[in-house]
Protein backbone atom coordinates (compact mmCIF):
# COMPACT_ATOMS: atom_id res chain seq x y z
CA UNK A 1 -10.69 -21.05 -16.74
CA UNK A 2 -8.02 -23.59 -17.77
CA UNK A 3 -4.73 -23.42 -15.84
CA UNK A 4 -2.88 -21.91 -18.99
CA UNK A 5 -5.81 -19.18 -18.82
CA UNK A 6 -5.59 -18.33 -15.31
CA UNK A 7 -1.34 -18.09 -15.57
CA UNK A 8 -1.70 -16.16 -18.61
CA UNK A 9 -3.80 -13.70 -16.54
CA UNK A 10 -1.86 -13.62 -13.86
CA UNK A 11 1.57 -12.72 -15.69
CA UNK A 12 -0.23 -10.33 -18.04
CA UNK A 13 -1.92 -8.52 -14.97
CA UNK A 14 1.70 -8.47 -13.42
CA UNK A 15 3.79 -7.30 -15.77
CA UNK A 16 1.20 -4.12 -16.85
CA UNK A 17 0.40 -3.21 -13.50
CA UNK A 18 4.12 -3.98 -12.24
CA UNK A 19 5.57 -1.49 -14.83
CA UNK A 20 2.92 1.03 -13.79
CA UNK A 21 3.97 0.70 -10.23
CA UNK A 22 7.78 1.01 -10.85
CA UNK A 23 6.92 4.11 -12.86
CA UNK A 24 4.96 5.16 -10.28
CA UNK A 25 7.01 4.37 -7.28
CA UNK A 26 9.97 5.86 -8.88
CA UNK A 27 8.43 9.01 -9.75
CA UNK A 28 6.52 9.03 -5.71
CA UNK A 29 10.30 8.57 -4.55
CA UNK A 30 12.23 11.03 -6.26
CA UNK A 31 9.55 14.05 -5.79
CA UNK A 32 9.13 13.17 -2.46
CA UNK A 33 12.54 13.12 -1.94
CA UNK A 34 12.92 16.78 -3.36
CA UNK A 35 9.55 17.56 -1.77
CA UNK A 36 11.32 17.15 1.60
CA UNK A 37 13.95 19.59 0.81
CA UNK A 38 11.88 22.44 1.27
CA UNK A 39 9.39 21.23 3.84
CA UNK A 40 10.44 21.53 7.63
CA UNK A 41 9.74 18.23 9.41
CA UNK A 42 6.74 19.75 11.57
CA UNK A 43 5.19 20.46 8.36
CA UNK A 44 5.92 16.89 6.38
CA UNK A 45 4.33 15.45 10.27
CA UNK A 46 1.41 17.62 9.95
CA UNK A 47 0.64 16.63 6.38
CA UNK A 48 1.08 12.96 7.13
CA UNK A 49 -1.12 13.28 9.77
CA UNK A 50 -3.78 14.33 7.27
CA UNK A 51 -3.00 12.09 4.68
CA UNK A 52 -3.10 8.96 6.96
CA UNK A 53 -6.64 10.49 8.03
CA UNK A 54 -7.81 10.96 4.44
CA UNK A 55 -6.77 6.84 3.31
CA UNK A 56 -8.65 6.06 6.60
CA UNK A 57 -11.59 8.01 5.12
CA UNK A 58 -11.13 7.06 1.45
CA UNK A 59 -11.31 3.19 2.39
CA UNK A 60 -15.27 4.07 3.28
CA UNK A 61 -15.51 5.29 -0.74
CA UNK A 62 -17.89 2.58 -2.28
CA UNK A 63 -18.65 0.86 1.07
CA UNK A 64 -16.56 -2.46 -0.91
CA UNK A 65 -19.11 -2.12 -3.63
CA UNK A 66 -15.87 -1.95 -6.05
CA UNK A 67 -14.90 -5.92 -4.72
CA UNK A 68 -18.54 -6.68 -4.90
CA UNK A 69 -18.56 -5.46 -8.71
CA UNK A 70 -15.34 -7.71 -9.57
CA UNK A 71 -17.06 -10.89 -8.05
CA UNK A 72 -20.59 -10.80 -9.18
CA UNK A 73 -21.65 -13.15 -11.79
CA UNK A 74 -23.36 -10.80 -14.06
CA UNK A 75 -24.63 -6.93 -14.01
CA UNK A 76 -27.05 -4.80 -15.20
CA UNK A 77 -27.09 -1.30 -16.46
CA UNK A 78 -29.66 -0.18 -14.23
CA UNK A 79 -27.82 -1.76 -11.30
CA UNK A 80 -24.78 0.41 -12.37
CA UNK A 81 -26.56 3.28 -12.14
CA UNK A 82 -28.40 2.40 -8.80
CA UNK A 83 -24.86 1.72 -7.63
CA UNK A 84 -23.35 5.13 -8.86
CA UNK A 85 -26.10 7.14 -7.01
CA UNK A 86 -25.53 5.37 -3.71
CA UNK A 87 -21.69 5.54 -3.74
CA UNK A 88 -22.03 9.28 -4.36
CA UNK A 89 -24.18 9.37 -1.19
CA UNK A 90 -21.73 7.68 0.90
CA UNK A 91 -18.94 10.02 -0.20
CA UNK A 92 -20.52 13.06 0.52
CA UNK A 93 -21.37 11.86 4.00
CA UNK A 94 -18.08 10.51 4.85
CA UNK A 95 -16.35 13.94 3.17
CA UNK A 96 -19.05 15.91 5.46
CA UNK A 97 -18.01 13.97 8.57
CA UNK A 98 -14.59 14.36 8.26
CA UNK A 99 -15.09 17.94 7.88
CA UNK A 100 -17.42 18.24 10.93
CA UNK A 101 -14.50 16.16 13.03
CA UNK A 102 -11.37 18.25 12.20
CA UNK A 103 -11.61 20.97 14.73
CA UNK A 104 -11.35 18.14 17.10
CA UNK A 105 -8.55 16.41 15.12
CA UNK A 106 -6.65 19.80 15.62
CA UNK A 107 -7.66 20.08 19.35
CA UNK A 108 -6.30 16.19 20.02
CA UNK A 109 -2.85 16.69 18.03
CA UNK A 110 -2.80 20.55 18.99
CA UNK A 111 -2.14 21.18 15.26
CA UNK A 112 -3.53 24.29 13.66
CA UNK A 113 -4.96 24.48 10.11
CA UNK A 114 -6.76 21.37 10.33
CA UNK A 115 -10.43 22.39 9.17
CA UNK A 116 -8.84 23.88 5.94
CA UNK A 117 -6.81 20.70 4.79
CA UNK A 118 -9.82 18.58 5.75
CA UNK A 119 -11.78 20.42 3.27
CA UNK A 120 -9.70 19.57 0.84
CA UNK A 121 -9.73 15.77 2.22
CA UNK A 122 -13.36 15.94 1.62
CA UNK A 123 -13.62 17.68 -1.57
CA UNK A 124 -11.53 14.28 -2.99
CA UNK A 125 -14.20 11.47 -1.91
CA UNK A 126 -16.44 12.51 -4.30
CA UNK A 127 -14.45 12.27 -7.01
CA UNK A 128 -12.93 9.10 -5.79
CA UNK A 129 -16.29 7.70 -5.50
CA UNK A 130 -17.35 8.51 -9.50
CA UNK A 131 -14.43 6.35 -10.27
CA UNK A 132 -15.25 3.45 -8.37
CA UNK A 133 -17.60 1.81 -11.22
CA UNK A 134 -15.51 2.59 -13.77
CA UNK A 135 -12.07 1.29 -12.08
CA UNK A 136 -14.07 -1.81 -10.99
CA UNK A 137 -14.97 -2.51 -14.19
CA UNK A 138 -12.09 -2.64 -15.95
CA UNK A 139 -10.63 -5.00 -12.99
CA UNK A 140 -13.51 -7.13 -13.89
CA UNK A 141 -12.88 -7.15 -17.54
CA UNK A 142 -8.95 -7.97 -17.03
CA UNK A 143 -8.06 -4.79 -18.65
CA UNK A 144 -5.08 -4.24 -17.23
CA UNK A 145 -3.34 -1.96 -19.36
CA UNK A 146 -5.86 0.66 -18.99
CA UNK A 147 -5.80 -0.13 -15.08
CA UNK A 148 -2.03 0.55 -15.85
CA UNK A 149 -2.45 3.94 -17.35
CA UNK A 150 -4.37 5.14 -15.03
CA UNK A 151 -2.48 4.77 -12.22
CA UNK A 152 0.70 6.15 -13.83
CA UNK A 153 -1.36 9.21 -15.07
CA UNK A 154 -2.50 9.43 -11.14
CA UNK A 155 0.73 9.02 -9.65
CA UNK A 156 2.51 11.39 -12.05
CA UNK A 157 0.29 14.34 -12.13
CA UNK A 158 -0.16 14.09 -8.40
CA UNK A 159 3.96 14.20 -7.70
CA UNK A 160 4.09 17.12 -10.09
CA UNK A 161 1.62 18.98 -8.24
CA UNK A 162 2.89 18.62 -5.06
CA UNK A 163 6.51 19.48 -6.39
CA UNK A 164 5.12 22.70 -7.74
CA UNK A 165 3.42 23.67 -4.41
CA UNK A 166 6.62 22.69 -2.28
CA UNK A 167 8.71 24.51 -4.49
CA UNK A 168 6.79 27.85 -4.40
CA UNK A 169 6.82 27.60 -0.31
CA UNK A 170 3.68 25.84 0.46
CA UNK A 171 4.73 24.66 2.84
CA UNK A 172 1.95 21.20 4.41
CA UNK A 173 -0.03 22.24 1.51
CA UNK A 174 2.32 20.62 -0.68
CA UNK A 175 1.50 16.92 0.63
CA UNK A 176 -2.59 17.71 1.25
CA UNK A 177 -2.28 19.59 -2.58
CA UNK A 178 -0.95 16.38 -3.80
CA UNK A 179 -3.10 14.08 -2.45
CA UNK A 180 -6.68 16.13 -3.70
CA UNK A 181 -4.94 16.26 -7.21
CA UNK A 182 -4.61 12.06 -7.40
CA UNK A 183 -8.49 12.23 -7.02
CA UNK A 184 -8.94 14.35 -9.93
CA UNK A 185 -6.25 12.43 -12.30
CA UNK A 186 -7.83 9.17 -10.88
CA UNK A 187 -11.35 10.44 -11.95
CA UNK A 188 -10.05 11.56 -15.55
CA UNK A 189 -8.71 8.19 -15.91
CA UNK A 190 -11.10 6.13 -15.38
CA UNK A 191 -13.74 7.97 -16.96
CA UNK A 192 -11.25 7.90 -20.07
CA UNK A 193 -10.65 4.11 -19.64
CA UNK A 194 -13.96 2.52 -19.24
CA UNK A 195 -16.57 5.39 -20.02
CA UNK A 196 -19.95 4.99 -17.51
CA UNK A 197 -23.28 6.16 -18.86
CA UNK A 198 -24.66 8.27 -16.20
CA UNK A 199 -28.77 8.14 -15.52
CA UNK A 200 -30.92 8.40 -12.83
CA UNK A 201 -32.30 5.37 -12.35
CA UNK A 202 -32.05 4.26 -8.48
CA UNK A 203 -33.43 0.82 -7.06
CA UNK A 204 -31.85 -0.07 -3.85
CA UNK A 205 -32.98 -3.41 -4.22
CA UNK A 206 -31.63 -3.91 -7.22
CA UNK A 207 -28.38 -3.44 -5.47
CA UNK A 208 -29.01 -5.06 -2.16
CA UNK A 209 -26.74 -8.16 -2.97
CA UNK A 210 -23.68 -6.11 -4.06
CA UNK A 211 -24.34 -3.48 -1.38
CA UNK A 212 -24.33 -6.68 1.30
CA UNK A 213 -21.14 -7.99 -0.22
CA UNK A 214 -20.00 -4.36 -0.16
CA UNK A 215 -20.40 -4.17 3.40
CA UNK A 216 -18.69 -6.84 4.33
CA UNK A 217 -15.80 -6.36 1.86
CA UNK A 218 -15.63 -2.33 3.16
CA UNK A 219 -15.19 -3.88 6.53
CA UNK A 220 -11.68 -5.35 5.71
CA UNK A 221 -11.07 -2.25 3.76
CA UNK A 222 -11.38 -0.04 6.31
CA UNK A 223 -9.64 -2.11 8.86
CA UNK A 224 -6.83 -2.27 6.22
CA UNK A 225 -6.40 1.42 6.00
CA UNK A 226 -6.81 2.11 10.04
CA UNK A 227 -4.15 -0.64 9.87
CA UNK A 228 -2.03 1.50 7.33
CA UNK A 229 -2.75 4.07 9.35
CA UNK A 230 -3.06 3.75 13.15
CA UNK A 231 0.94 3.81 13.58
CA UNK A 232 1.12 7.47 11.84
CA UNK A 233 -1.64 8.34 14.05
CA UNK A 234 -0.38 7.03 17.21
CA UNK A 235 3.41 8.65 16.61
CA UNK A 236 1.81 11.77 16.36
CA UNK A 237 -0.41 11.55 19.17
CA UNK A 238 2.83 10.28 21.44
CA UNK A 239 5.86 11.67 19.86
CA UNK A 240 4.64 15.11 18.34
CA UNK A 241 5.03 16.50 14.14
CA UNK A 242 8.71 16.45 13.67
CA UNK A 243 9.29 12.71 15.16
CA UNK A 244 6.43 11.73 12.83
CA UNK A 245 8.15 13.15 9.93
CA UNK A 246 11.09 11.08 10.95
CA UNK A 247 8.85 7.99 11.05
CA UNK A 248 7.04 8.68 7.95
CA UNK A 249 10.33 8.83 6.19
CA UNK A 250 11.61 5.64 7.08
CA UNK A 251 8.26 3.77 6.66
CA UNK A 252 8.11 5.65 3.38
CA UNK A 253 10.78 4.42 2.12
CA UNK A 254 11.08 0.82 3.26
CA UNK A 255 7.07 -0.03 2.94
CA UNK A 256 5.79 1.73 -0.02
CA UNK A 257 7.82 -0.05 -2.62
CA UNK A 258 6.94 -3.80 -1.18
CA UNK A 259 3.35 -2.66 -0.73
CA UNK A 260 3.02 -1.35 -4.43
CA UNK A 261 4.32 -4.89 -5.44
CA UNK A 262 1.84 -6.45 -2.82
CA UNK A 263 -0.99 -4.43 -4.05
CA UNK A 264 -0.15 -5.15 -7.98
CA UNK A 265 -0.09 -8.83 -6.87
CA UNK A 266 -3.16 -8.74 -4.84
CA UNK A 267 -5.36 -6.77 -7.82
CA UNK A 268 -4.12 -9.25 -9.99
CA UNK A 269 -4.53 -12.62 -7.96
CA UNK A 270 -8.28 -11.50 -6.92
CA UNK A 271 -10.24 -12.17 -10.08
CA UNK A 272 -8.32 -14.82 -10.98
CA UNK A 273 -9.00 -16.18 -7.28
CA UNK A 274 -12.47 -15.60 -7.78
CA UNK A 275 -12.67 -17.41 -11.63
CA UNK A 276 -11.02 -20.53 -9.86
CA UNK A 277 -12.59 -20.66 -6.51
CA UNK A 278 -14.45 -24.19 -7.57
CA UNK A 279 -11.11 -25.32 -8.62
CA UNK A 280 -8.53 -25.90 -5.89
CA UNK A 281 -6.02 -27.31 -7.66
CA UNK A 282 -5.65 -24.58 -9.94
CA UNK A 283 -6.02 -21.84 -6.90
CA UNK A 284 -3.39 -23.45 -5.35
CA UNK A 285 -1.52 -22.71 -8.45
CA UNK A 286 -2.23 -19.17 -8.64
CA UNK A 287 -1.08 -18.76 -4.89
CA UNK A 288 2.19 -20.62 -5.28
CA UNK A 289 2.73 -18.18 -8.28
CA UNK A 290 1.67 -14.99 -6.96
CA UNK A 291 3.83 -15.94 -3.44
CA UNK A 292 7.19 -16.77 -5.66
CA UNK A 293 6.51 -13.01 -7.41
CA UNK A 294 6.25 -11.65 -4.12
CA UNK A 295 9.55 -13.29 -2.65
CA UNK A 296 11.70 -12.26 -5.84
CA UNK A 297 10.66 -9.00 -5.90
CA UNK A 298 10.39 -7.83 -2.26
CA UNK A 299 13.05 -9.68 -0.62
CA UNK A 300 15.98 -8.22 -2.60
CA UNK A 301 14.86 -4.72 -2.48
CA UNK A 302 13.89 -4.90 1.56
CA UNK A 303 17.34 -6.06 1.93
CA UNK A 304 19.31 -3.29 -0.48
CA UNK A 305 17.08 -0.49 1.64
CA UNK A 306 18.59 -2.10 5.03
CA UNK A 307 21.86 -2.34 3.58
CA UNK A 308 21.79 1.60 2.44
CA UNK A 309 19.92 2.93 4.79
CA UNK A 310 22.40 4.59 7.27
CA UNK A 311 24.08 6.63 4.43
CA UNK A 312 20.73 7.30 2.72
CA UNK A 313 19.47 8.82 5.88
CA UNK A 314 22.60 10.39 6.68
CA UNK A 315 22.45 12.72 3.47
CA UNK A 316 18.55 13.39 3.75
CA UNK A 317 18.01 16.97 5.27
CA UNK A 318 14.60 19.11 5.88
CA UNK A 319 14.46 22.80 4.97
CA UNK A 320 16.40 24.37 7.70
CA UNK A 321 19.23 21.53 7.38
CA UNK A 322 18.16 19.19 10.01
CA UNK A 323 19.12 15.35 9.23
CA UNK A 324 16.79 12.76 8.98
CA UNK A 325 20.10 10.13 10.27
CA UNK A 326 17.43 8.81 13.29
CA UNK A 327 14.71 7.05 10.41
CA UNK A 328 18.32 4.63 9.86
CA UNK A 329 17.25 2.39 12.40
CA UNK A 330 13.10 2.54 12.19
CA UNK A 331 13.54 1.70 8.49
CA UNK A 332 15.84 -1.03 8.41
CA UNK A 333 13.44 -2.98 11.09
CA UNK A 334 10.44 -1.88 8.81
CA UNK A 335 12.34 -3.34 5.97
CA UNK A 336 12.52 -6.55 7.49
CA UNK A 337 8.79 -6.07 8.60
CA UNK A 338 7.90 -5.23 5.22
CA UNK A 339 8.66 -8.86 3.72
CA UNK A 340 6.66 -10.41 6.31
CA UNK A 341 3.60 -8.18 5.89
CA UNK A 342 3.15 -8.52 1.88
CA UNK A 343 3.19 -12.57 2.70
CA UNK A 344 0.51 -12.00 5.18
CA UNK A 345 -1.35 -9.86 3.30
CA UNK A 346 -1.99 -12.29 -0.10
CA UNK A 347 -4.72 -14.37 2.17
CA UNK A 348 -6.68 -11.64 1.55
CA UNK A 349 -7.62 -11.60 -2.22
CA UNK A 350 -7.77 -15.14 -1.43
CA UNK A 351 -10.77 -14.80 1.48
CA UNK A 352 -12.54 -11.99 -0.79
CA UNK A 353 -11.93 -14.09 -4.17
CA UNK A 354 -13.62 -17.94 -2.75
CA UNK A 355 -16.31 -15.45 -0.97
CA UNK A 356 -15.53 -14.62 2.35
CA UNK A 357 -15.11 -11.39 2.75
CA UNK A 358 -16.30 -12.03 6.33
CA UNK A 359 -13.48 -13.64 7.36
CA UNK A 360 -11.21 -11.37 5.78
CA UNK A 361 -12.82 -8.58 7.66
CA UNK A 362 -12.37 -10.46 11.26
CA UNK A 363 -8.58 -10.82 10.12
CA UNK A 364 -8.11 -7.29 9.31
CA UNK A 365 -9.72 -6.40 12.86
CA UNK A 366 -7.53 -8.69 14.69
CA UNK A 367 -4.29 -7.47 12.36
CA UNK A 368 -5.16 -3.51 13.54
CA UNK A 369 -5.83 -4.57 17.04
CA UNK A 370 -2.41 -6.10 17.17
CA UNK A 371 -0.77 -3.90 15.73
CA UNK A 372 -2.49 -1.34 17.75
CA UNK A 373 -1.84 -2.68 21.03
CA UNK A 374 1.68 -3.18 20.19
CA UNK A 375 2.00 0.86 19.23
CA UNK A 376 0.30 1.65 22.04
CA UNK A 377 2.75 -0.48 24.60
CA UNK A 378 5.45 1.24 22.99
CA UNK A 379 4.21 4.61 23.09
CA UNK A 380 3.49 4.42 26.64
CA UNK A 381 6.42 2.74 27.93
CA UNK A 382 9.57 4.11 25.37
CA UNK A 383 10.01 7.99 24.91
CA UNK A 384 12.84 10.03 23.23
CA UNK A 385 14.36 8.74 20.14
CA UNK A 386 14.22 5.12 20.60
CA UNK A 387 10.34 5.56 20.56
CA UNK A 388 9.93 5.12 16.95
CA UNK A 389 12.66 2.02 17.03
CA UNK A 390 9.75 0.56 19.27
CA UNK A 391 7.28 1.38 17.03
CA UNK A 392 8.99 -0.15 14.04
CA UNK A 393 9.37 -3.43 16.09
CA UNK A 394 5.77 -3.30 16.36
CA UNK A 395 5.51 -4.18 12.81
CA UNK A 396 7.82 -7.06 12.73
CA UNK A 397 6.34 -8.57 16.26
CA UNK A 398 2.82 -9.02 14.70
CA UNK A 399 3.35 -11.07 11.75
CA UNK A 400 4.74 -14.75 13.21
CA UNK A 401 1.09 -14.45 14.46
CA UNK A 402 -1.12 -13.65 11.25
CA UNK A 403 1.19 -15.96 9.08
CA UNK A 404 0.47 -19.10 11.98
CA UNK A 405 -3.12 -18.00 11.44
CA UNK A 406 -2.84 -17.75 7.71
CA UNK A 407 -0.92 -21.22 7.33
CA UNK A 408 -3.57 -23.20 9.19
CA UNK A 409 -5.89 -22.06 7.07
CA UNK A 410 -4.25 -22.77 4.18
CA UNK A 411 -3.47 -26.30 5.44
CA UNK A 412 -6.87 -26.96 6.70
CA UNK A 413 -9.20 -25.64 3.80
CA UNK A 414 -6.97 -25.85 0.32
CA UNK A 415 -4.10 -28.59 1.97
CA UNK A 416 -1.38 -26.18 1.06
CA UNK A 417 1.68 -27.35 3.57
CA UNK A 418 3.51 -25.15 5.35
CA UNK A 419 6.97 -26.35 3.64
CA UNK A 420 5.19 -25.67 -0.15
CA UNK A 421 4.60 -22.07 1.20
CA UNK A 422 8.31 -21.78 2.27
CA UNK A 423 9.67 -23.02 -0.88
CA UNK A 424 9.20 -19.48 -3.03
CA UNK A 425 10.81 -18.01 -0.63
CA UNK A 426 14.20 -20.22 -0.47
CA UNK A 427 15.95 -18.87 -3.76
CA UNK A 428 15.42 -15.33 -2.22
CA UNK A 429 16.83 -16.10 0.55
CA UNK A 430 19.98 -16.89 -0.89
CA UNK A 431 20.27 -13.98 -2.98
CA UNK A 432 19.68 -11.54 -0.19
CA UNK A 433 22.74 -13.57 2.01
CA UNK A 434 25.01 -13.11 -1.21
CA UNK A 435 23.98 -9.34 -0.96
CA UNK A 436 24.91 -8.94 3.20
CA UNK A 437 28.31 -10.87 1.57
CA UNK A 438 29.15 -8.41 -1.28
CA UNK A 439 28.13 -5.27 0.52
CA UNK A 440 30.70 -6.28 3.67
CA UNK A 441 33.49 -6.95 1.38
CA UNK A 442 32.93 -3.45 -0.42
CA UNK A 443 33.45 -1.62 2.84
CA UNK A 444 36.69 -3.14 3.27
CA UNK A 445 37.87 -1.54 -0.09
CA UNK A 446 39.43 1.90 0.02
CA UNK A 447 37.03 4.28 0.16
CA UNK A 448 34.34 1.61 0.70
CA UNK A 449 33.10 3.37 4.00
CA UNK A 450 32.10 6.52 2.33
CA UNK A 451 28.05 7.03 2.78
CA UNK A 452 28.27 7.40 -1.54
CA UNK A 453 30.26 4.24 -2.06
CA UNK A 454 28.22 2.47 0.68
CA UNK A 455 24.81 3.06 -1.03
CA UNK A 456 26.82 2.34 -4.78
CA UNK A 457 27.47 -1.24 -3.14
CA UNK A 458 24.14 -2.02 -1.72
CA UNK A 459 22.20 -0.90 -5.42
CA UNK A 460 24.88 -3.00 -7.17
CA UNK A 461 24.39 -5.82 -4.67
CA UNK A 462 20.97 -5.48 -5.20
CA UNK A 463 21.19 -5.22 -9.23
CA UNK A 464 23.09 -8.29 -9.15
CA UNK A 465 20.74 -10.08 -7.14
CA UNK A 466 17.90 -9.62 -9.41
CA UNK A 467 19.80 -10.51 -12.22
CA UNK A 468 20.55 -13.95 -10.63
CA UNK A 469 17.05 -14.58 -9.79
CA UNK A 470 15.79 -13.62 -13.49
CA UNK A 471 18.64 -15.99 -14.75
CA UNK A 472 17.58 -18.73 -12.23
CA UNK A 473 13.53 -18.01 -13.31
CA UNK A 474 14.74 -18.78 -17.44
CA UNK A 475 16.76 -21.41 -16.46
CA UNK A 476 13.77 -23.31 -14.52
CA UNK A 477 11.57 -22.80 -17.63
């Protein structure tokens, strides 16, 4: 693959998956805000716990064979058929284990109704399992347009189901039902985008190399999902359902948009890193491209969310009229951590694409250990409203260690200097400085301290920053 080819595929993948993510996240954000008005904080907290456990369970789907398919040199129809039955067996086993453990989860957290919620969680696993091979083949074939269509359709469908259940008074089932519905829509979209001919053939020996790679990759994915959800699990344990709802709102508003961009870049980069793994110069070029896009897209957005956090959370209430104002400071801390997080996580597709799933798994385990340790310390030592602030600060504390390791690895293995890695963040950093000055200046105007005016000023600053970055990018060409 030439340098122009990999830039073309990166750009095309980013444009399609990026557009899909924007539509999906706007849909998610609008419907979640609407759903929060129909649910109490306790209902949101219980639903958040169930979904967090569901995401960890879902990480077992396919046992990493989707990444194995993406990086495999070639595959046969018989291998795909054998792999399908392997994936389905794993999905059924994992779903059954989740249902069996649900009474224990309800007892640990003191929350009723867990077995019923976990039935919906378990029912989703075979649906997602069937979609693994079609989606992996689309990614392998760089069919980003179809992947984007599947993602948008699944997100929109699940959001509509979630909102409908909430408006009908479904309570926690609004979140759980939306989670299950996303599996239905993902399956339907995947089979439409990449039909897969099912056969009854199975031979473990034919798929042993894929399974071997997949298990190493799966361990990284499992650690990654536990890492993504351990804060919910621990916040629910230490502080209860209502504080978990407050934390969930702060986290979703701050982290989810950043992670959407990070996921797009990672999905786009993985097949490209795999194809240029033997060409260090092209791999470095792809890495810098990805870092620049991450910095340009995420830094202004996180700054804008941080600037509007206090008035935005003050305006948000649950179905009983209780405010989410306590989410403002955790949101601001998490927004800063989000920038470091998406930069740090770019190392994972690079390790996967260059055939190092074991190292990616080790890094995920270290990340999980650091985060879990910091949050445990916060939960044990900090009680009351400041507990959520301490948990948010734990996210900010772990990334200097992780980024330090990544910088050392890239310098030693791929001859990438630390200064070269900082360069993509210089101009976005200047854009953020402008945003802060603009927003603070707007507060000195008549009515500038009004909540709606503060939100509008932060939104305007964000838009101007993005406009400046787009203009800067065009001038560099």
